[in-house]
Each structure stands twice: as C-alpha cells, then as structure tokens.
All heavy atoms as atom14 arrays in JSON, in Angstrom:
{
  "sequence": "TRQRLRIGTDAEGRLTALEHRAKVATSSFDEFYEPAADASHALYAS",
  "atom14_mask": [
    [1, 1, 1, 1, 1, 1, 1, 0, 0, 0, 0, 0, 0, 0],
    [1, 1, 1, 1, 1, 1, 1, 1, 1, 1, 1, 0, 0, 0],
    [1, 1, 1, 1, 1, 1, 1, 1, 1, 0, 0, 0, 0, 0],
    [1, 1, 1, 1, 1, 1, 1, 1, 1, 1, 1, 0, 0, 0],
    [1, 1, 1, 1, 1, 1, 1, 1, 0, 0, 0, 0, 0, 0],
    [1, 1, 1, 1, 1, 1, 1, 1, 1, 1, 1, 0, 0, 0],
    [1, 1, 1, 1, 1, 1, 1, 1, 0, 0, 0, 0, 0, 0],
    [1, 1, 1, 1, 0, 0, 0, 0, 0, 0, 0, 0, 0, 0],
    [1, 1, 1, 1, 1, 1, 1, 0, 0, 0, 0, 0, 0, 0],
    [1, 1, 1, 1, 1, 1, 1, 1, 0, 0, 0, 0, 0, 0],
    [1, 1, 1, 1, 1, 0, 0, 0, 0, 0, 0, 0, 0, 0],
    [1, 1, 1, 1, 1, 1, 1, 1, 1, 0, 0, 0, 0, 0],
    [1, 1, 1, 1, 0, 0, 0, 0, 0, 0, 0, 0, 0, 0],
    [1, 1, 1, 1, 1, 1, 1, 1, 1, 1, 1, 0, 0, 0],
    [1, 1, 1, 1, 1, 1, 1, 1, 0, 0, 0, 0, 0, 0],
    [1, 1, 1, 1, 1, 1, 1, 0, 0, 0, 0, 0, 0, 0],
    [1, 1, 1, 1, 1, 0, 0, 0, 0, 0, 0, 0, 0, 0],
    [1, 1, 1, 1, 1, 1, 1, 1, 0, 0, 0, 0, 0, 0],
    [1, 1, 1, 1, 1, 1, 1, 1, 1, 0, 0, 0, 0, 0],
    [1, 1, 1, 1, 1, 1, 1, 1, 1, 1, 0, 0, 0, 0],
    [1, 1, 1, 1, 1, 1, 1, 1, 1, 1, 1, 0, 0, 0],
    [1, 1, 1, 1, 1, 0, 0, 0, 0, 0, 0, 0, 0, 0],
    [1, 1, 1, 1, 1, 1, 1, 1, 1, 0, 0, 0, 0, 0],
    [1, 1, 1, 1, 1, 1, 1, 0, 0, 0, 0, 0, 0, 0],
    [1, 1, 1, 1, 1, 0, 0, 0, 0, 0, 0, 0, 0, 0],
    [1, 1, 1, 1, 1, 1, 1, 0, 0, 0, 0, 0, 0, 0],
    [1, 1, 1, 1, 1, 1, 0, 0, 0, 0, 0, 0, 0, 0],
    [1, 1, 1, 1, 1, 1, 0, 0, 0, 0, 0, 0, 0, 0],
    [1, 1, 1, 1, 1, 1, 1, 1, 1, 1, 1, 0, 0, 0],
    [1, 1, 1, 1, 1, 1, 1, 1, 0, 0, 0, 0, 0, 0],
    [1, 1, 1, 1, 1, 1, 1, 1, 1, 0, 0, 0, 0, 0],
    [1, 1, 1, 1, 1, 1, 1, 1, 1, 1, 1, 0, 0, 0],
    [1, 1, 1, 1, 1, 1, 1, 1, 1, 1, 1, 1, 0, 0],
    [1, 1, 1, 1, 1, 1, 1, 1, 1, 0, 0, 0, 0, 0],
    [1, 1, 1, 1, 1, 1, 1, 0, 0, 0, 0, 0, 0, 0],
    [1, 1, 1, 1, 1, 0, 0, 0, 0, 0, 0, 0, 0, 0],
    [1, 1, 1, 1, 1, 0, 0, 0, 0, 0, 0, 0, 0, 0],
    [1, 1, 1, 1, 1, 1, 1, 1, 0, 0, 0, 0, 0, 0],
    [1, 1, 1, 1, 1, 0, 0, 0, 0, 0, 0, 0, 0, 0],
    [1, 1, 1, 1, 1, 1, 0, 0, 0, 0, 0, 0, 0, 0],
    [1, 1, 1, 1, 1, 1, 1, 1, 1, 1, 0, 0, 0, 0],
    [1, 1, 1, 1, 1, 0, 0, 0, 0, 0, 0, 0, 0, 0],
    [1, 1, 1, 1, 1, 1, 1, 1, 0, 0, 0, 0, 0, 0],
    [1, 1, 1, 1, 1, 1, 1, 1, 1, 1, 1, 1, 0, 0],
    [1, 1, 1, 1, 1, 0, 0, 0, 0, 0, 0, 0, 0, 0],
    [1, 1, 1, 1, 1, 1, 0, 0, 0, 0, 0, 0, 0, 0]
  ],
  "atom14_positions": [
    [[-29.94, 11.58, 57.21], [-30.57, 12.9, 57.26], [-31.59, 13.05, 56.15], [-31.5, 12.4, 55.1], [-29.53, 14.04, 57.09], [-29.13, 14.13, 55.72], [-28.3, 13.84, 57.96], [0.0, 0.0, 0.0], [0.0, 0.0, 0.0], [0.0, 0.0, 0.0], [0.0, 0.0, 0.0], [0.0, 0.0, 0.0], [0.0, 0.0, 0.0], [0.0, 0.0, 0.0]],
    [[-32.57, 13.9, 56.4], [-33.49, 14.38, 55.37], [-33.48, 15.89, 55.47], [-33.85, 16.45, 56.51], [-34.89, 13.82, 55.56], [-35.89, 14.28, 54.47], [-37.27, 13.69, 54.72], [-37.22, 12.23, 54.69], [-37.95, 11.45, 55.5], [-38.74, 11.99, 56.42], [-37.87, 10.14, 55.39], [0.0, 0.0, 0.0], [0.0, 0.0, 0.0], [0.0, 0.0, 0.0]],
    [[-33.03, 16.56, 54.41], [-32.81, 18.0, 54.46], [-33.67, 18.71, 53.41], [-33.7, 18.29, 52.25], [-31.33, 18.31, 54.22], [-30.38, 17.61, 55.19], [-28.93, 17.8, 54.82], [-28.44, 18.93, 54.74], [-28.23, 16.71, 54.58], [0.0, 0.0, 0.0], [0.0, 0.0, 0.0], [0.0, 0.0, 0.0], [0.0, 0.0, 0.0], [0.0, 0.0, 0.0]],
    [[-34.32, 19.76, 53.85], [-35.1, 20.58, 52.92], [-34.48, 21.97, 52.86], [-34.26, 22.6, 53.9], [-36.56, 20.68, 53.38], [-37.44, 21.48, 52.41], [-38.83, 21.69, 52.95], [-39.66, 22.45, 51.99], [-40.82, 23.0, 52.3], [-41.33, 22.88, 53.52], [-41.48, 23.69, 51.37], [0.0, 0.0, 0.0], [0.0, 0.0, 0.0], [0.0, 0.0, 0.0]],
    [[-34.22, 22.42, 51.65], [-33.68, 23.76, 51.44], [-34.62, 24.57, 50.57], [-35.11, 24.08, 49.54], [-32.3, 23.7, 50.78], [-31.18, 23.19, 51.68], [-30.91, 21.73, 51.43], [-29.91, 24.02, 51.51], [0.0, 0.0, 0.0], [0.0, 0.0, 0.0], [0.0, 0.0, 0.0], [0.0, 0.0, 0.0], [0.0, 0.0, 0.0], [0.0, 0.0, 0.0]],
    [[-34.87, 25.8, 51.0], [-35.61, 26.77, 50.2], [-34.7, 27.97, 49.97], [-34.13, 28.51, 50.92], [-36.9, 27.2, 50.91], [-37.9, 26.07, 51.07], [-39.27, 26.61, 51.47], [-39.24, 27.31, 52.74], [-40.16, 28.21, 53.14], [-41.17, 28.54, 52.34], [-40.06, 28.79, 54.32], [0.0, 0.0, 0.0], [0.0, 0.0, 0.0], [0.0, 0.0, 0.0]],
    [[-34.56, 28.34, 48.71], [-33.66, 29.42, 48.33], [-34.4, 30.39, 47.43], [-35.14, 29.98, 46.53], [-32.4, 28.88, 47.62], [-31.55, 28.06, 48.59], [-31.57, 30.01, 47.01], [-30.33, 27.44, 47.95], [0.0, 0.0, 0.0], [0.0, 0.0, 0.0], [0.0, 0.0, 0.0], [0.0, 0.0, 0.0], [0.0, 0.0, 0.0], [0.0, 0.0, 0.0]],
    [[-34.19, 31.68, 47.66], [-34.72, 32.71, 46.8], [-33.61, 33.56, 46.23], [-32.6, 33.82, 46.9], [0.0, 0.0, 0.0], [0.0, 0.0, 0.0], [0.0, 0.0, 0.0], [0.0, 0.0, 0.0], [0.0, 0.0, 0.0], [0.0, 0.0, 0.0], [0.0, 0.0, 0.0], [0.0, 0.0, 0.0], [0.0, 0.0, 0.0], [0.0, 0.0, 0.0]],
    [[-33.77, 33.98, 44.96], [-32.81, 34.89, 44.33], [-33.56, 36.01, 43.62], [-34.72, 35.84, 43.2], [-31.93, 34.16, 43.3], [-32.76, 33.6, 42.28], [-31.13, 33.06, 43.96], [0.0, 0.0, 0.0], [0.0, 0.0, 0.0], [0.0, 0.0, 0.0], [0.0, 0.0, 0.0], [0.0, 0.0, 0.0], [0.0, 0.0, 0.0], [0.0, 0.0, 0.0]],
    [[-32.89, 37.14, 43.47], [-33.51, 38.25, 42.75], [-33.25, 38.11, 41.25], [-32.66, 37.11, 40.79], [-33.02, 39.59, 43.3], [-31.53, 39.81, 43.12], [-30.91, 39.14, 42.26], [-30.96, 40.66, 43.83], [0.0, 0.0, 0.0], [0.0, 0.0, 0.0], [0.0, 0.0, 0.0], [0.0, 0.0, 0.0], [0.0, 0.0, 0.0], [0.0, 0.0, 0.0]],
    [[-33.65, 39.09, 40.49], [-33.54, 39.02, 39.04], [-32.1, 38.97, 38.56], [-31.82, 38.48, 37.46], [-34.26, 40.22, 38.41], [0.0, 0.0, 0.0], [0.0, 0.0, 0.0], [0.0, 0.0, 0.0], [0.0, 0.0, 0.0], [0.0, 0.0, 0.0], [0.0, 0.0, 0.0], [0.0, 0.0, 0.0], [0.0, 0.0, 0.0], [0.0, 0.0, 0.0]],
    [[-31.16, 39.47, 39.36], [-29.74, 39.45, 38.99], [-29.03, 38.19, 39.51], [-27.82, 38.06, 39.35], [-29.03, 40.68, 39.55], [-29.32, 41.96, 38.78], [-30.72, 42.47, 39.05], [-31.13, 42.47, 40.22], [-31.4, 42.85, 38.07], [0.0, 0.0, 0.0], [0.0, 0.0, 0.0], [0.0, 0.0, 0.0], [0.0, 0.0, 0.0], [0.0, 0.0, 0.0]],
    [[-29.77, 37.3, 40.15], [-29.17, 36.08, 40.66], [-28.54, 36.2, 42.02], [-27.77, 35.33, 42.44], [0.0, 0.0, 0.0], [0.0, 0.0, 0.0], [0.0, 0.0, 0.0], [0.0, 0.0, 0.0], [0.0, 0.0, 0.0], [0.0, 0.0, 0.0], [0.0, 0.0, 0.0], [0.0, 0.0, 0.0], [0.0, 0.0, 0.0], [0.0, 0.0, 0.0]],
    [[-28.88, 37.27, 42.76], [-28.37, 37.43, 44.12], [-29.34, 36.76, 45.1], [-30.56, 36.86, 44.96], [-28.23, 38.91, 44.48], [-27.25, 39.66, 43.6], [-25.83, 39.42, 44.03], [-24.88, 40.22, 43.27], [-23.58, 40.3, 43.54], [-23.1, 39.62, 44.56], [-22.78, 41.04, 42.81], [0.0, 0.0, 0.0], [0.0, 0.0, 0.0], [0.0, 0.0, 0.0]],
    [[-28.77, 36.13, 46.11], [-29.59, 35.45, 47.11], [-30.43, 36.46, 47.89], [-29.94, 37.51, 48.3], [-28.72, 34.66, 48.08], [-28.02, 33.42, 47.52], [-27.01, 32.88, 48.53], [-29.02, 32.34, 47.15], [0.0, 0.0, 0.0], [0.0, 0.0, 0.0], [0.0, 0.0, 0.0], [0.0, 0.0, 0.0], [0.0, 0.0, 0.0], [0.0, 0.0, 0.0]],
    [[-31.69, 36.11, 48.11], [-32.56, 36.91, 48.98], [-32.95, 36.15, 50.23], [-33.33, 36.75, 51.23], [-33.85, 37.3, 48.24], [-34.58, 36.11, 47.87], [-33.53, 38.1, 46.98], [0.0, 0.0, 0.0], [0.0, 0.0, 0.0], [0.0, 0.0, 0.0], [0.0, 0.0, 0.0], [0.0, 0.0, 0.0], [0.0, 0.0, 0.0], [0.0, 0.0, 0.0]],
    [[-32.85, 34.8, 50.2], [-33.22, 34.0, 51.37], [-32.63, 32.61, 51.23], [-32.49, 32.08, 50.11], [-34.74, 33.91, 51.51], [0.0, 0.0, 0.0], [0.0, 0.0, 0.0], [0.0, 0.0, 0.0], [0.0, 0.0, 0.0], [0.0, 0.0, 0.0], [0.0, 0.0, 0.0], [0.0, 0.0, 0.0], [0.0, 0.0, 0.0], [0.0, 0.0, 0.0]],
    [[-32.28, 32.02, 52.38], [-31.75, 30.66, 52.42], [-32.28, 29.99, 53.69], [-31.97, 30.43, 54.8], [-30.22, 30.66, 52.41], [-29.49, 29.35, 52.7], [-29.92, 28.26, 51.73], [-27.98, 29.56, 52.62], [0.0, 0.0, 0.0], [0.0, 0.0, 0.0], [0.0, 0.0, 0.0], [0.0, 0.0, 0.0], [0.0, 0.0, 0.0], [0.0, 0.0, 0.0]],
    [[-33.08, 28.95, 53.51], [-33.59, 28.17, 54.64], [-33.1, 26.74, 54.49], [-33.23, 26.13, 53.42], [-35.12, 28.19, 54.67], [-35.7, 27.39, 55.85], [-37.21, 27.34, 55.82], [-37.76, 26.74, 54.86], [-37.84, 27.9, 56.72], [0.0, 0.0, 0.0], [0.0, 0.0, 0.0], [0.0, 0.0, 0.0], [0.0, 0.0, 0.0], [0.0, 0.0, 0.0]],
    [[-32.54, 26.2, 55.56], [-31.97, 24.86, 55.53], [-32.45, 24.13, 56.78], [-32.06, 24.47, 57.9], [-30.43, 24.95, 55.51], [-29.74, 23.65, 55.23], [-28.43, 23.58, 54.84], [-30.17, 22.36, 55.28], [-28.07, 22.32, 54.66], [-29.13, 21.55, 54.94], [0.0, 0.0, 0.0], [0.0, 0.0, 0.0], [0.0, 0.0, 0.0], [0.0, 0.0, 0.0]],
    [[-33.32, 23.13, 56.59], [-33.88, 22.36, 57.71], [-33.46, 20.91, 57.56], [-33.52, 20.35, 56.46], [-35.4, 22.48, 57.76], [-35.88, 23.9, 58.05], [-37.39, 23.99, 58.19], [-37.79, 25.35, 58.52], [-37.86, 25.82, 59.77], [-37.58, 25.02, 60.78], [-38.22, 27.07, 59.99], [0.0, 0.0, 0.0], [0.0, 0.0, 0.0], [0.0, 0.0, 0.0]],
    [[-33.05, 20.3, 58.67], [-32.56, 18.92, 58.63], [-33.26, 18.08, 59.69], [-33.37, 18.5, 60.85], [-31.05, 18.9, 58.85], [0.0, 0.0, 0.0], [0.0, 0.0, 0.0], [0.0, 0.0, 0.0], [0.0, 0.0, 0.0], [0.0, 0.0, 0.0], [0.0, 0.0, 0.0], [0.0, 0.0, 0.0], [0.0, 0.0, 0.0], [0.0, 0.0, 0.0]],
    [[-33.72, 16.92, 59.28], [-34.2, 15.9, 60.22], [-33.11, 14.84, 60.31], [-32.65, 14.31, 59.29], [-35.51, 15.27, 59.75], [-36.03, 14.19, 60.7], [-37.22, 13.45, 60.13], [-38.5, 14.26, 60.28], [-39.69, 13.43, 59.93], [0.0, 0.0, 0.0], [0.0, 0.0, 0.0], [0.0, 0.0, 0.0], [0.0, 0.0, 0.0], [0.0, 0.0, 0.0]],
    [[-32.68, 14.52, 61.53], [-31.57, 13.59, 61.72], [-31.95, 12.56, 62.77], [-32.83, 12.8, 63.61], [-30.28, 14.33, 62.14], [-29.89, 15.37, 61.1], [-30.44, 15.01, 63.49], [0.0, 0.0, 0.0], [0.0, 0.0, 0.0], [0.0, 0.0, 0.0], [0.0, 0.0, 0.0], [0.0, 0.0, 0.0], [0.0, 0.0, 0.0], [0.0, 0.0, 0.0]],
    [[-31.29, 11.42, 62.74], [-31.57, 10.35, 63.69], [-30.5, 10.32, 64.78], [-29.33, 10.61, 64.53], [-31.62, 9.01, 62.98], [0.0, 0.0, 0.0], [0.0, 0.0, 0.0], [0.0, 0.0, 0.0], [0.0, 0.0, 0.0], [0.0, 0.0, 0.0], [0.0, 0.0, 0.0], [0.0, 0.0, 0.0], [0.0, 0.0, 0.0], [0.0, 0.0, 0.0]],
    [[-30.92, 9.96, 65.99], [-29.99, 9.64, 67.06], [-30.44, 8.32, 67.67], [-31.42, 7.71, 67.22], [-29.92, 10.76, 68.11], [-28.84, 10.48, 69.02], [-31.21, 10.89, 68.89], [0.0, 0.0, 0.0], [0.0, 0.0, 0.0], [0.0, 0.0, 0.0], [0.0, 0.0, 0.0], [0.0, 0.0, 0.0], [0.0, 0.0, 0.0], [0.0, 0.0, 0.0]],
    [[-29.73, 7.84, 68.69], [-30.09, 6.56, 69.29], [-31.22, 6.75, 70.29], [-31.58, 7.87, 70.66], [-28.88, 5.94, 69.99], [-28.53, 6.67, 71.15], [0.0, 0.0, 0.0], [0.0, 0.0, 0.0], [0.0, 0.0, 0.0], [0.0, 0.0, 0.0], [0.0, 0.0, 0.0], [0.0, 0.0, 0.0], [0.0, 0.0, 0.0], [0.0, 0.0, 0.0]],
    [[-31.77, 5.65, 70.78], [-32.86, 5.7, 71.73], [-32.4, 6.1, 73.13], [-33.21, 6.49, 73.97], [-33.55, 4.33, 71.81], [-32.65, 3.35, 72.33], [0.0, 0.0, 0.0], [0.0, 0.0, 0.0], [0.0, 0.0, 0.0], [0.0, 0.0, 0.0], [0.0, 0.0, 0.0], [0.0, 0.0, 0.0], [0.0, 0.0, 0.0], [0.0, 0.0, 0.0]],
    [[-31.07, 6.04, 73.37], [-30.57, 6.19, 74.74], [-29.53, 7.28, 74.91], [-29.05, 7.51, 76.03], [-29.99, 4.85, 75.22], [-28.86, 4.33, 74.37], [-27.54, 4.6, 74.68], [-29.12, 3.56, 73.25], [-26.5, 4.12, 73.89], [-28.09, 3.07, 72.46], [-26.78, 3.35, 72.78], [0.0, 0.0, 0.0], [0.0, 0.0, 0.0], [0.0, 0.0, 0.0]],
    [[-29.17, 7.97, 73.83], [-28.15, 9.01, 73.95], [-28.42, 10.05, 72.87], [-29.33, 9.91, 72.05], [-26.74, 8.43, 73.81], [-25.7, 9.24, 74.55], [-25.99, 10.38, 74.96], [-24.57, 8.74, 74.73], [0.0, 0.0, 0.0], [0.0, 0.0, 0.0], [0.0, 0.0, 0.0], [0.0, 0.0, 0.0], [0.0, 0.0, 0.0], [0.0, 0.0, 0.0]],
    [[-27.63, 11.11, 72.89], [-27.85, 12.22, 71.97], [-26.59, 12.58, 71.22], [-25.59, 12.94, 71.83], [-28.34, 13.48, 72.72], [-29.73, 13.38, 73.31], [-29.74, 12.64, 74.64], [-28.73, 12.72, 75.38], [-30.73, 11.96, 74.93], [0.0, 0.0, 0.0], [0.0, 0.0, 0.0], [0.0, 0.0, 0.0], [0.0, 0.0, 0.0], [0.0, 0.0, 0.0]],
    [[-26.63, 12.41, 69.91], [-25.71, 13.1, 69.02], [-26.48, 13.38, 67.75], [-26.92, 12.45, 67.06], [-24.45, 12.3, 68.7], [-23.52, 13.08, 67.8], [-22.64, 14.0, 68.33], [-23.56, 12.92, 66.41], [-21.8, 14.75, 67.5], [-22.73, 13.66, 65.58], [-21.85, 14.58, 66.13], [0.0, 0.0, 0.0], [0.0, 0.0, 0.0], [0.0, 0.0, 0.0]],
    [[-26.66, 14.66, 67.46], [-27.46, 15.08, 66.32], [-26.53, 15.68, 65.27], [-25.86, 16.69, 65.53], [-28.51, 16.1, 66.75], [-29.49, 15.56, 67.78], [-29.25, 15.71, 69.15], [-30.65, 14.9, 67.38], [-30.15, 15.22, 70.09], [-31.55, 14.41, 68.32], [-31.29, 14.57, 69.67], [-32.18, 14.08, 70.6], [0.0, 0.0, 0.0], [0.0, 0.0, 0.0]],
    [[-26.49, 15.05, 64.1], [-25.65, 15.53, 63.0], [-26.03, 16.97, 62.66], [-27.18, 17.26, 62.27], [-25.87, 14.62, 61.79], [-25.08, 14.98, 60.57], [-23.68, 14.38, 60.54], [-23.28, 13.74, 61.53], [-22.99, 14.56, 59.53], [0.0, 0.0, 0.0], [0.0, 0.0, 0.0], [0.0, 0.0, 0.0], [0.0, 0.0, 0.0], [0.0, 0.0, 0.0]],
    [[-25.09, 17.93, 62.77], [-25.42, 19.35, 62.54], [-25.44, 19.72, 61.07], [-24.75, 20.65, 60.62], [-24.31, 20.07, 63.31], [-23.14, 19.16, 63.2], [-23.69, 17.75, 63.21], [0.0, 0.0, 0.0], [0.0, 0.0, 0.0], [0.0, 0.0, 0.0], [0.0, 0.0, 0.0], [0.0, 0.0, 0.0], [0.0, 0.0, 0.0], [0.0, 0.0, 0.0]],
    [[-26.25, 19.02, 60.28], [-26.2, 19.14, 58.83], [-26.55, 20.54, 58.34], [-25.9, 21.08, 57.44], [-27.12, 18.11, 58.19], [0.0, 0.0, 0.0], [0.0, 0.0, 0.0], [0.0, 0.0, 0.0], [0.0, 0.0, 0.0], [0.0, 0.0, 0.0], [0.0, 0.0, 0.0], [0.0, 0.0, 0.0], [0.0, 0.0, 0.0], [0.0, 0.0, 0.0]],
    [[-27.59, 21.14, 58.92], [-28.04, 22.45, 58.43], [-27.03, 23.56, 58.72], [-27.06, 24.61, 58.07], [-29.39, 22.8, 59.04], [0.0, 0.0, 0.0], [0.0, 0.0, 0.0], [0.0, 0.0, 0.0], [0.0, 0.0, 0.0], [0.0, 0.0, 0.0], [0.0, 0.0, 0.0], [0.0, 0.0, 0.0], [0.0, 0.0, 0.0], [0.0, 0.0, 0.0]],
    [[-26.12, 23.32, 59.68], [-25.11, 24.34, 59.99], [-24.19, 24.63, 58.81], [-23.49, 25.65, 58.8], [-24.27, 23.9, 61.19], [-25.04, 23.99, 62.5], [-26.22, 24.35, 62.47], [-24.45, 23.68, 63.56], [0.0, 0.0, 0.0], [0.0, 0.0, 0.0], [0.0, 0.0, 0.0], [0.0, 0.0, 0.0], [0.0, 0.0, 0.0], [0.0, 0.0, 0.0]],
    [[-24.17, 23.75, 57.81], [-23.34, 23.99, 56.62], [-23.74, 25.27, 55.9], [-22.94, 25.82, 55.12], [-23.45, 22.8, 55.67], [0.0, 0.0, 0.0], [0.0, 0.0, 0.0], [0.0, 0.0, 0.0], [0.0, 0.0, 0.0], [0.0, 0.0, 0.0], [0.0, 0.0, 0.0], [0.0, 0.0, 0.0], [0.0, 0.0, 0.0], [0.0, 0.0, 0.0]],
    [[-24.95, 25.75, 56.14], [-25.43, 26.96, 55.45], [-25.13, 28.25, 56.21], [-25.55, 29.33, 55.79], [-26.94, 26.86, 55.21], [-27.23, 25.89, 54.23], [0.0, 0.0, 0.0], [0.0, 0.0, 0.0], [0.0, 0.0, 0.0], [0.0, 0.0, 0.0], [0.0, 0.0, 0.0], [0.0, 0.0, 0.0], [0.0, 0.0, 0.0], [0.0, 0.0, 0.0]],
    [[-24.4, 28.17, 57.31], [-24.16, 29.37, 58.12], [-23.19, 30.36, 57.49], [-23.37, 31.57, 57.62], [-23.6, 28.97, 59.49], [-24.62, 28.45, 60.44], [-24.3, 27.95, 61.68], [-25.96, 28.35, 60.34], [-25.4, 27.57, 62.3], [-26.42, 27.8, 61.5], [0.0, 0.0, 0.0], [0.0, 0.0, 0.0], [0.0, 0.0, 0.0], [0.0, 0.0, 0.0]],
    [[-22.15, 29.86, 56.84], [-21.01, 30.73, 56.59], [-20.67, 30.96, 55.14], [-19.91, 31.87, 54.83], [-19.77, 30.16, 57.3], [0.0, 0.0, 0.0], [0.0, 0.0, 0.0], [0.0, 0.0, 0.0], [0.0, 0.0, 0.0], [0.0, 0.0, 0.0], [0.0, 0.0, 0.0], [0.0, 0.0, 0.0], [0.0, 0.0, 0.0], [0.0, 0.0, 0.0]],
    [[-21.21, 30.18, 54.22], [-20.63, 30.15, 52.88], [-21.21, 31.17, 51.92], [-20.49, 31.84, 51.18], [-20.77, 28.74, 52.31], [-19.99, 28.42, 51.04], [-18.54, 28.84, 51.15], [-20.09, 26.93, 50.75], [0.0, 0.0, 0.0], [0.0, 0.0, 0.0], [0.0, 0.0, 0.0], [0.0, 0.0, 0.0], [0.0, 0.0, 0.0], [0.0, 0.0, 0.0]],
    [[-22.53, 31.31, 51.9], [-23.17, 32.15, 50.89], [-23.85, 33.34, 51.53], [-24.48, 33.24, 52.58], [-24.15, 31.31, 50.06], [-23.45, 30.25, 49.27], [-23.59, 28.9, 49.58], [-22.61, 30.59, 48.21], [-22.93, 27.92, 48.86], [-21.94, 29.61, 47.48], [-22.1, 28.28, 47.81], [-21.43, 27.32, 47.1], [0.0, 0.0, 0.0], [0.0, 0.0, 0.0]],
    [[-23.74, 34.49, 50.85], [-24.12, 35.79, 51.43], [-25.6, 36.07, 51.2], [-25.97, 36.83, 50.31], [-23.27, 36.9, 50.83], [0.0, 0.0, 0.0], [0.0, 0.0, 0.0], [0.0, 0.0, 0.0], [0.0, 0.0, 0.0], [0.0, 0.0, 0.0], [0.0, 0.0, 0.0], [0.0, 0.0, 0.0], [0.0, 0.0, 0.0], [0.0, 0.0, 0.0]],
    [[-26.43, 35.45, 52.01], [-27.86, 35.73, 51.96], [-28.23, 36.7, 53.08], [-27.75, 36.55, 54.21], [-28.66, 34.44, 52.11], [-30.04, 34.72, 52.21], [0.0, 0.0, 0.0], [0.0, 0.0, 0.0], [0.0, 0.0, 0.0], [0.0, 0.0, 0.0], [0.0, 0.0, 0.0], [0.0, 0.0, 0.0], [0.0, 0.0, 0.0], [0.0, 0.0, 0.0]]
  ]
}
C-alpha cells in the first residue's frame, strides 16, 4: 500500500479534518483490494 493522510487540528488540538487515501495492488486476473483507508472510519472524532 501507499497511503496519504491529511489531518487538520484547531488551536486546542481538536481534529477538524481527516483524509485517508490508499493505493493498493491486486492481481491481473482477480480483485481483492486491501481496505487500508477504512481504518480511519471509526476511531477518531473528526
């Protein structure tokens, strides 16, 4: 995977934005895409 994250916080250190983009490899003949960016769905309150 190659993952890019952009995060913003306010002056008190609270999250204002969270972007998580992932480029992942699969095979030439089938599809399974590692859901890496989904790790940012549930944990931090942005």
